[in-house]
Amino acid sequence: MFKAAQAMHDADFVLVNGVMFVTEYLRVPDDDTVAEDVVLEAKRGEDEIALTREDMDSAEFLGDGVYRLKSGAMLRFLQSATVH
């Protein structure tokens, strides 16, 4: 099962190596996704990132909500705070 699925669920932002990106597309992997399927697209101005299920499946949990990809990139999924 996908390790980061809970952290990724409903993420509004993703912090990649200390740089904040806005989540444009998010698909929590399920039984129908394959390694090449894009599960995350995020944007910061003109910069865009896309991660596949394979990228996320190989992510190592480091604690405190931080994951390290096989490439060495550090990820953290964040949600917007809601004030009532």
PDB file of N, CA and C in Angstrom:
ATOM      1  N   MET A   1       0.847  -1.198   0.000  1.00  0.00           N
ATOM      2  CA  MET A   1       0.000   0.000   0.000  1.00  0.00           C
ATOM      3  C   MET A   1       0.878   1.242   0.000  1.00  0.00           C
ATOM      4  N   PHE A   2       0.449   2.252  -0.633  1.00  0.00           N
ATOM      5  CA  PHE A   2       1.135   3.519  -0.770  1.00  0.00           C
ATOM      6  C   PHE A   2       1.347   4.160   0.594  1.00  0.00           C
ATOM      7  N   LYS A   3       2.601   4.362   0.969  1.00  0.00           N
ATOM      8  CA  LYS A   3       2.955   4.839   2.308  1.00  0.00           C
ATOM      9  C   LYS A   3       2.469   6.256   2.603  1.00  0.00           C
ATOM     10  N   ALA A   4       2.553   7.147   1.622  1.00  0.00           N
ATOM     11  CA  ALA A   4       2.253   8.553   1.863  1.00  0.00           C
ATOM     12  C   ALA A   4       0.807   8.920   1.538  1.00  0.00           C
ATOM     13  N   ALA A   5      -0.046   7.934   1.298  1.00  0.00           N
ATOM     14  CA  ALA A   5      -1.423   8.210   0.882  1.00  0.00           C
ATOM     15  C   ALA A   5      -2.166   9.095   1.876  1.00  0.00           C
ATOM     16  N   GLN A   6      -2.046   8.829   3.147  1.00  0.00           N
ATOM     17  CA  GLN A   6      -2.749   9.625   4.152  1.00  0.00           C
ATOM     18  C   GLN A   6      -2.247  11.064   4.163  1.00  0.00           C
ATOM     19  N   ALA A   7      -0.950  11.255   4.083  1.00  0.00           N
ATOM     20  CA  ALA A   7      -0.372  12.603   4.077  1.00  0.00           C
ATOM     21  C   ALA A   7      -0.742  13.348   2.807  1.00  0.00           C
ATOM     22  N   MET A   8      -0.809  12.647   1.708  1.00  0.00           N
ATOM     23  CA  MET A   8      -1.089  13.263   0.412  1.00  0.00           C
ATOM     24  C   MET A   8      -2.560  13.644   0.262  1.00  0.00           C
ATOM     25  N   HIS A   9      -3.443  12.920   0.917  1.00  0.00           N
ATOM     26  CA  HIS A   9      -4.888  13.125   0.797  1.00  0.00           C
ATOM     27  C   HIS A   9      -5.270  14.554   1.163  1.00  0.00           C
ATOM     28  N   ASP A  10      -5.959  15.247   0.271  1.00  0.00           N
ATOM     29  CA  ASP A  10      -6.451  16.614   0.472  1.00  0.00           C
ATOM     30  C   ASP A  10      -5.348  17.662   0.646  1.00  0.00           C
ATOM     31  N   ALA A  11      -4.121  17.382   0.214  1.00  0.00           N
ATOM     32  CA  ALA A  11      -3.038  18.364   0.338  1.00  0.00           C
ATOM     33  C   ALA A  11      -3.292  19.534  -0.612  1.00  0.00           C
ATOM     34  N   ASP A  12      -3.239  20.741  -0.078  1.00  0.00           N
ATOM     35  CA  ASP A  12      -3.382  21.951  -0.884  1.00  0.00           C
ATOM     36  C   ASP A  12      -2.029  22.422  -1.408  1.00  0.00           C
ATOM     37  N   PHE A  13      -0.989  22.063  -0.686  1.00  0.00           N
ATOM     38  CA  PHE A  13       0.364  22.479  -1.026  1.00  0.00           C
ATOM     39  C   PHE A  13       1.313  21.306  -0.827  1.00  0.00           C
ATOM     40  N   VAL A  14       2.451  21.375  -1.531  1.00  0.00           N
ATOM     41  CA  VAL A  14       3.521  20.412  -1.306  1.00  0.00           C
ATOM     42  C   VAL A  14       4.823  21.209  -1.222  1.00  0.00           C
ATOM     43  N   LEU A  15       5.559  20.948  -0.180  1.00  0.00           N
ATOM     44  CA  LEU A  15       6.855  21.578   0.036  1.00  0.00           C
ATOM     45  C   LEU A  15       7.902  20.631  -0.535  1.00  0.00           C
ATOM     46  N   VAL A  16       8.654  21.099  -1.529  1.00  0.00           N
ATOM     47  CA  VAL A  16       9.677  20.280  -2.180  1.00  0.00           C
ATOM     48  C   VAL A  16      11.018  20.960  -1.967  1.00  0.00           C
ATOM     49  N   ASN A  17      11.891  20.318  -1.204  1.00  0.00           N
ATOM     50  CA  ASN A  17      13.211  20.889  -0.896  1.00  0.00           C
ATOM     51  C   ASN A  17      13.105  22.329  -0.400  1.00  0.00           C
ATOM     52  N   GLY A  18      12.100  22.575   0.434  1.00  0.00           N
ATOM     53  CA  GLY A  18      11.932  23.887   1.035  1.00  0.00           C
ATOM     54  C   GLY A  18      11.210  24.903   0.175  1.00  0.00           C
ATOM     55  N   VAL A  19      10.749  24.523  -1.018  1.00  0.00           N
ATOM     56  CA  VAL A  19      10.035  25.423  -1.926  1.00  0.00           C
ATOM     57  C   VAL A  19       8.571  25.002  -1.970  1.00  0.00           C
ATOM     58  N   MET A  20       7.669  25.974  -1.745  1.00  0.00           N
ATOM     59  CA  MET A  20       6.237  25.700  -1.684  1.00  0.00           C
ATOM     60  C   MET A  20       5.609  25.711  -3.073  1.00  0.00           C
ATOM     61  N   PHE A  21       4.888  24.636  -3.399  1.00  0.00           N
ATOM     62  CA  PHE A  21       4.143  24.524  -4.644  1.00  0.00           C
ATOM     63  C   PHE A  21       2.666  24.371  -4.307  1.00  0.00           C
ATOM     64  N   VAL A  22       1.792  24.887  -5.174  1.00  0.00           N
ATOM     65  CA  VAL A  22       0.348  24.743  -5.012  1.00  0.00           C
ATOM     66  C   VAL A  22      -0.076  23.487  -5.773  1.00  0.00           C
ATOM     67  N   THR A  23      -0.826  22.639  -5.105  1.00  0.00           N
ATOM     68  CA  THR A  23      -1.297  21.406  -5.727  1.00  0.00           C
ATOM     69  C   THR A  23      -2.329  21.737  -6.797  1.00  0.00           C
ATOM     70  N   GLU A  24      -2.069  21.291  -8.016  1.00  0.00           N
ATOM     71  CA  GLU A  24      -2.987  21.502  -9.144  1.00  0.00           C
ATOM     72  C   GLU A  24      -3.822  20.245  -9.391  1.00  0.00           C
ATOM     73  N   TYR A  25      -3.193  19.090  -9.232  1.00  0.00           N
ATOM     74  CA  TYR A  25      -3.845  17.804  -9.468  1.00  0.00           C
ATOM     75  C   TYR A  25      -3.327  16.822  -8.440  1.00  0.00           C
ATOM     76  N   LEU A  26      -4.240  16.047  -7.885  1.00  0.00           N
ATOM     77  CA  LEU A  26      -3.861  15.080  -6.858  1.00  0.00           C
ATOM     78  C   LEU A  26      -4.731  13.844  -7.014  1.00  0.00           C
ATOM     79  N   ARG A  27      -4.088  12.703  -7.118  1.00  0.00           N
ATOM     80  CA  ARG A  27      -4.813  11.431  -7.158  1.00  0.00           C
ATOM     81  C   ARG A  27      -4.131  10.483  -6.190  1.00  0.00           C
ATOM     82  N   VAL A  28      -4.827  10.169  -5.139  1.00  0.00           N
ATOM     83  CA  VAL A  28      -4.288   9.198  -4.192  1.00  0.00           C
ATOM     84  C   VAL A  28      -4.315   7.841  -4.883  1.00  0.00           C
ATOM     85  N   PRO A  29      -3.169   7.190  -4.986  1.00  0.00           N
ATOM     86  CA  PRO A  29      -3.103   5.897  -5.689  1.00  0.00           C
ATOM     87  C   PRO A  29      -4.055   4.865  -5.096  1.00  0.00           C
ATOM     88  N   ASP A  30      -4.591   4.068  -6.011  1.00  0.00           N
ATOM     89  CA  ASP A  30      -5.468   2.973  -5.604  1.00  0.00           C
ATOM     90  C   ASP A  30      -5.100   1.749  -6.433  1.00  0.00           C
ATOM     91  N   ASP A  31      -5.930   0.748  -6.429  1.00  0.00           N
ATOM     92  CA  ASP A  31      -5.629  -0.492  -7.153  1.00  0.00           C
ATOM     93  C   ASP A  31      -5.584  -0.303  -8.663  1.00  0.00           C
ATOM     94  N   ASP A  32      -6.168   0.789  -9.171  1.00  0.00           N
ATOM     95  CA  ASP A  32      -6.201   1.025 -10.611  1.00  0.00           C
ATOM     96  C   ASP A  32      -5.021   1.841 -11.127  1.00  0.00           C
ATOM     97  N   THR A  33      -4.220   2.432 -10.247  1.00  0.00           N
ATOM     98  CA  THR A  33      -3.080   3.221 -10.710  1.00  0.00           C
ATOM     99  C   THR A  33      -1.873   2.313 -10.909  1.00  0.00           C
ATOM    100  N   VAL A  34      -1.086   2.656 -11.921  1.00  0.00           N
ATOM    101  CA  VAL A  34       0.139   1.908 -12.220  1.00  0.00           C
ATOM    102  C   VAL A  34       1.337   2.823 -11.994  1.00  0.00           C
ATOM    103  N   ALA A  35       2.527   2.269 -12.034  1.00  0.00           N
ATOM    104  CA  ALA A  35       3.762   2.997 -11.699  1.00  0.00           C
ATOM    105  C   ALA A  35       3.930   4.286 -12.486  1.00  0.00           C
ATOM    106  N   GLU A  36       3.543   4.321 -13.749  1.00  0.00           N
ATOM    107  CA  GLU A  36       3.753   5.489 -14.599  1.00  0.00           C
ATOM    108  C   GLU A  36       2.679   6.559 -14.458  1.00  0.00           C
ATOM    109  N   ASP A  37       1.596   6.272 -13.755  1.00  0.00           N
ATOM    110  CA  ASP A  37       0.511   7.249 -13.601  1.00  0.00           C
ATOM    111  C   ASP A  37       0.957   8.438 -12.763  1.00  0.00           C
ATOM    112  N   VAL A  38       0.628   9.636 -13.239  1.00  0.00           N
ATOM    113  CA  VAL A  38       0.910  10.846 -12.473  1.00  0.00           C
ATOM    114  C   VAL A  38      -0.109  10.926 -11.337  1.00  0.00           C
ATOM    115  N   VAL A  39       0.389  11.094 -10.117  1.00  0.00           N
ATOM    116  CA  VAL A  39      -0.493  11.187  -8.955  1.00  0.00           C
ATOM    117  C   VAL A  39      -0.453  12.580  -8.330  1.00  0.00           C
ATOM    118  N   LEU A  40       0.513  13.406  -8.748  1.00  0.00           N
ATOM    119  CA  LEU A  40       0.615  14.751  -8.197  1.00  0.00           C
ATOM    120  C   LEU A  40       1.193  15.693  -9.243  1.00  0.00           C
ATOM    121  N   GLU A  41       0.501  16.804  -9.447  1.00  0.00           N
ATOM    122  CA  GLU A  41       1.030  17.914 -10.234  1.00  0.00           C
ATOM    123  C   GLU A  41       0.897  19.148  -9.370  1.00  0.00           C
ATOM    124  N   ALA A  42       1.949  19.935  -9.312  1.00  0.00           N
ATOM    125  CA  ALA A  42       1.929  21.147  -8.497  1.00  0.00           C
ATOM    126  C   ALA A  42       2.683  22.240  -9.239  1.00  0.00           C
ATOM    127  N   LYS A  43       2.357  23.494  -8.909  1.00  0.00           N
ATOM    128  CA  LYS A  43       2.894  24.622  -9.647  1.00  0.00           C
ATOM    129  C   LYS A  43       3.316  25.733  -8.694  1.00  0.00           C
ATOM    130  N   ARG A  44       4.363  26.435  -9.092  1.00  0.00           N
ATOM    131  CA  ARG A  44       4.830  27.638  -8.387  1.00  0.00           C
ATOM    132  C   ARG A  44       5.254  28.605  -9.466  1.00  0.00           C
ATOM    133  N   GLY A  45       4.393  29.572  -9.776  1.00  0.00           N
ATOM    134  CA  GLY A  45       4.668  30.480 -10.887  1.00  0.00           C
ATOM    135  C   GLY A  45       4.768  29.675 -12.169  1.00  0.00           C
ATOM    136  N   GLU A  46       5.897  29.789 -12.850  1.00  0.00           N
ATOM    137  CA  GLU A  46       6.122  29.051 -14.090  1.00  0.00           C
ATOM    138  C   GLU A  46       6.695  27.650 -13.848  1.00  0.00           C
ATOM    139  N   ASP A  47       7.118  27.371 -12.631  1.00  0.00           N
ATOM    140  CA  ASP A  47       7.710  26.070 -12.297  1.00  0.00           C
ATOM    141  C   ASP A  47       6.618  25.054 -11.997  1.00  0.00           C
ATOM    142  N   GLU A  48       6.769  23.869 -12.568  1.00  0.00           N
ATOM    143  CA  GLU A  48       5.815  22.798 -12.342  1.00  0.00           C
ATOM    144  C   GLU A  48       6.553  21.514 -11.982  1.00  0.00           C
ATOM    145  N   ILE A  49       5.910  20.707 -11.158  1.00  0.00           N
ATOM    146  CA  ILE A  49       6.443  19.386 -10.848  1.00  0.00           C
ATOM    147  C   ILE A  49       5.337  18.361 -11.081  1.00  0.00           C
ATOM    148  N   ALA A  50       5.734  17.165 -11.407  1.00  0.00           N
ATOM    149  CA  ALA A  50       4.803  16.049 -11.557  1.00  0.00           C
ATOM    150  C   ALA A  50       5.481  14.826 -10.963  1.00  0.00           C
ATOM    151  N   LEU A  51       4.741  14.106 -10.159  1.00  0.00           N
ATOM    152  CA  LEU A  51       5.265  12.883  -9.546  1.00  0.00           C
ATOM    153  C   LEU A  51       4.373  11.714  -9.926  1.00  0.00           C
ATOM    154  N   THR A  52       4.998  10.583 -10.169  1.00  0.00           N
ATOM    155  CA  THR A  52       4.266   9.372 -10.538  1.00  0.00           C
ATOM    156  C   THR A  52       4.037   8.497  -9.311  1.00  0.00           C
ATOM    157  N   ARG A  53       3.232   7.494  -9.507  1.00  0.00           N
ATOM    158  CA  ARG A  53       3.012   6.543  -8.412  1.00  0.00           C
ATOM    159  C   ARG A  53       4.335   5.886  -8.019  1.00  0.00           C
ATOM    160  N   GLU A  54       5.170   5.577  -8.998  1.00  0.00           N
ATOM    161  CA  GLU A  54       6.466   4.969  -8.698  1.00  0.00           C
ATOM    162  C   GLU A  54       7.311   5.893  -7.811  1.00  0.00           C
ATOM    163  N   ASP A  55       7.299   7.201  -8.127  1.00  0.00           N
ATOM    164  CA  ASP A  55       8.022   8.163  -7.282  1.00  0.00           C
ATOM    165  C   ASP A  55       7.543   8.090  -5.845  1.00  0.00           C
ATOM    166  N   MET A  56       6.232   8.071  -5.678  1.00  0.00           N
ATOM    167  CA  MET A  56       5.652   8.117  -4.344  1.00  0.00           C
ATOM    168  C   MET A  56       5.762   6.768  -3.623  1.00  0.00           C
ATOM    169  N   ASP A  57       5.639   5.671  -4.360  1.00  0.00           N
ATOM    170  CA  ASP A  57       5.749   4.351  -3.726  1.00  0.00           C
ATOM    171  C   ASP A  57       7.128   4.129  -3.113  1.00  0.00           C
ATOM    172  N   SER A  58       8.140   4.719  -3.722  1.00  0.00           N
ATOM    173  CA  SER A  58       9.501   4.529  -3.226  1.00  0.00           C
ATOM    174  C   SER A  58       9.907   5.591  -2.201  1.00  0.00           C
ATOM    175  N   ALA A  59       8.986   6.503  -1.865  1.00  0.00           N
ATOM    176  CA  ALA A  59       9.292   7.553  -0.898  1.00  0.00           C
ATOM    177  C   ALA A  59       9.538   6.951   0.484  1.00  0.00           C
ATOM    178  N   GLU A  60      10.559   7.451   1.139  1.00  0.00           N
ATOM    179  CA  GLU A  60      10.921   6.993   2.487  1.00  0.00           C
ATOM    180  C   GLU A  60      10.413   7.996   3.512  1.00  0.00           C
ATOM    181  N   PHE A  61       9.641   7.523   4.480  1.00  0.00           N
ATOM    182  CA  PHE A  61       9.136   8.397   5.543  1.00  0.00           C
ATOM    183  C   PHE A  61      10.268   8.688   6.514  1.00  0.00           C
ATOM    184  N   LEU A  62      10.521   9.981   6.746  1.00  0.00           N
ATOM    185  CA  LEU A  62      11.603  10.388   7.640  1.00  0.00           C
ATOM    186  C   LEU A  62      11.107  10.868   8.997  1.00  0.00           C
ATOM    187  N   GLY A  63       9.791  11.010   9.140  1.00  0.00           N
ATOM    188  CA  GLY A  63       9.216  11.518  10.381  1.00  0.00           C
ATOM    189  C   GLY A  63       8.748  12.946  10.210  1.00  0.00           C
ATOM    190  N   ASP A  64       7.878  13.382  11.097  1.00  0.00           N
ATOM    191  CA  ASP A  64       7.347  14.745  11.098  1.00  0.00           C
ATOM    192  C   ASP A  64       6.733  15.128   9.753  1.00  0.00           C
ATOM    193  N   GLY A  65       6.118  14.156   9.073  1.00  0.00           N
ATOM    194  CA  GLY A  65       5.436  14.428   7.816  1.00  0.00           C
ATOM    195  C   GLY A  65       6.342  14.606   6.608  1.00  0.00           C
ATOM    196  N   VAL A  66       7.612  14.307   6.736  1.00  0.00           N
ATOM    197  CA  VAL A  66       8.578  14.501   5.651  1.00  0.00           C
ATOM    198  C   VAL A  66       8.888  13.161   4.986  1.00  0.00           C
ATOM    199  N   TYR A  67       8.933  13.189   3.654  1.00  0.00           N
ATOM    200  CA  TYR A  67       9.256  12.017   2.848  1.00  0.00           C
ATOM    201  C   TYR A  67      10.430  12.343   1.938  1.00  0.00           C
ATOM    202  N   ARG A  68      11.320  11.361   1.729  1.00  0.00           N
ATOM    203  CA  ARG A  68      12.431  11.532   0.797  1.00  0.00           C
ATOM    204  C   ARG A  68      12.193  10.619  -0.396  1.00  0.00           C
ATOM    205  N   LEU A  69      12.217  11.231  -1.594  1.00  0.00           N
ATOM    206  CA  LEU A  69      12.076  10.466  -2.819  1.00  0.00           C
ATOM    207  C   LEU A  69      13.386   9.780  -3.161  1.00  0.00           C
ATOM    208  N   LYS A  70      13.322   8.808  -4.046  1.00  0.00           N
ATOM    209  CA  LYS A  70      14.507   8.106  -4.521  1.00  0.00           C
ATOM    210  C   LYS A  70      15.531   9.094  -5.099  1.00  0.00           C
ATOM    211  N   SER A  71      15.043  10.198  -5.691  1.00  0.00           N
ATOM    212  CA  SER A  71      15.909  11.222  -6.278  1.00  0.00           C
ATOM    213  C   SER A  71      16.639  12.041  -5.220  1.00  0.00           C
ATOM    214  N   GLY A  72      16.194  11.916  -3.956  1.00  0.00           N
ATOM    215  CA  GLY A  72      16.778  12.689  -2.874  1.00  0.00           C
ATOM    216  C   GLY A  72      15.940  13.894  -2.494  1.00  0.00           C
ATOM    217  N   ALA A  73      14.955  14.235  -3.303  1.00  0.00           N
ATOM    218  CA  ALA A  73      14.079  15.379  -3.002  1.00  0.00           C
ATOM    219  C   ALA A  73      13.289  15.105  -1.726  1.00  0.00           C
ATOM    220  N   MET A  74      13.112  16.151  -0.927  1.00  0.00           N
ATOM    221  CA  MET A  74      12.349  16.052   0.316  1.00  0.00           C
ATOM    222  C   MET A  74      10.966  16.649   0.092  1.00  0.00           C
ATOM    223  N   LEU A  75       9.924  15.929   0.500  1.00  0.00           N
ATOM    224  CA  LEU A  75       8.537  16.354   0.315  1.00  0.00           C
ATOM    225  C   LEU A  75       7.817  16.450   1.647  1.00  0.00           C
ATOM    226  N   ARG A  76       6.903  17.386   1.696  1.00  0.00           N
ATOM    227  CA  ARG A  76       5.967  17.468   2.819  1.00  0.00           C
ATOM    228  C   ARG A  76       4.655  17.990   2.289  1.00  0.00           C
ATOM    229  N   PHE A  77       3.556  17.326   2.597  1.00  0.00           N
ATOM    230  CA  PHE A  77       2.244  17.709   2.139  1.00  0.00           C
ATOM    231  C   PHE A  77       1.564  18.580   3.190  1.00  0.00           C
ATOM    232  N   LEU A  78       0.933  19.675   2.741  1.00  0.00           N
ATOM    233  CA  LEU A  78       0.327  20.632   3.661  1.00  0.00           C
ATOM    234  C   LEU A  78      -1.097  20.959   3.234  1.00  0.00           C
ATOM    235  N   GLN A  79      -1.925  21.257   4.216  1.00  0.00           N
ATOM    236  CA  GLN A  79      -3.297  21.675   3.972  1.00  0.00           C
ATOM    237  C   GLN A  79      -3.471  23.103   4.449  1.00  0.00           C
ATOM    238  N   SER A  80      -4.399  23.817   3.801  1.00  0.00           N
ATOM    239  CA  SER A  80      -4.740  25.165   4.238  1.00  0.00           C
ATOM    240  C   SER A  80      -5.438  25.096   5.577  1.00  0.00           C
ATOM    241  N   ALA A  81      -5.147  26.046   6.422  1.00  0.00           N
ATOM    242  CA  ALA A  81      -5.820  26.114   7.730  1.00  0.00           C
ATOM    243  C   ALA A  81      -7.185  26.763   7.528  1.00  0.00           C
ATOM    244  N   THR A  82      -8.182  26.215   8.210  1.00  0.00           N
ATOM    245  CA  THR A  82      -9.528  26.761   8.148  1.00  0.00           C
ATOM    246  C   THR A  82      -9.862  27.348   9.518  1.00  0.00           C
ATOM    247  N   VAL A  83     -10.250  28.630   9.524  1.00  0.00           N
ATOM    248  CA  VAL A  83     -10.599  29.292  10.773  1.00  0.00           C
ATOM    249  C   VAL A  83     -12.114  29.401  10.845  1.00  0.00           C
ATOM    250  N   HIS A  84     -12.685  28.944  11.957  1.00  0.00           N
ATOM    251  CA  HIS A  84     -14.155  28.993  12.112  1.00  0.00           C
ATOM    252  C   HIS A  84     -14.517  30.089  13.062  1.00  0.00           C
TER     253      HIS A  84
END
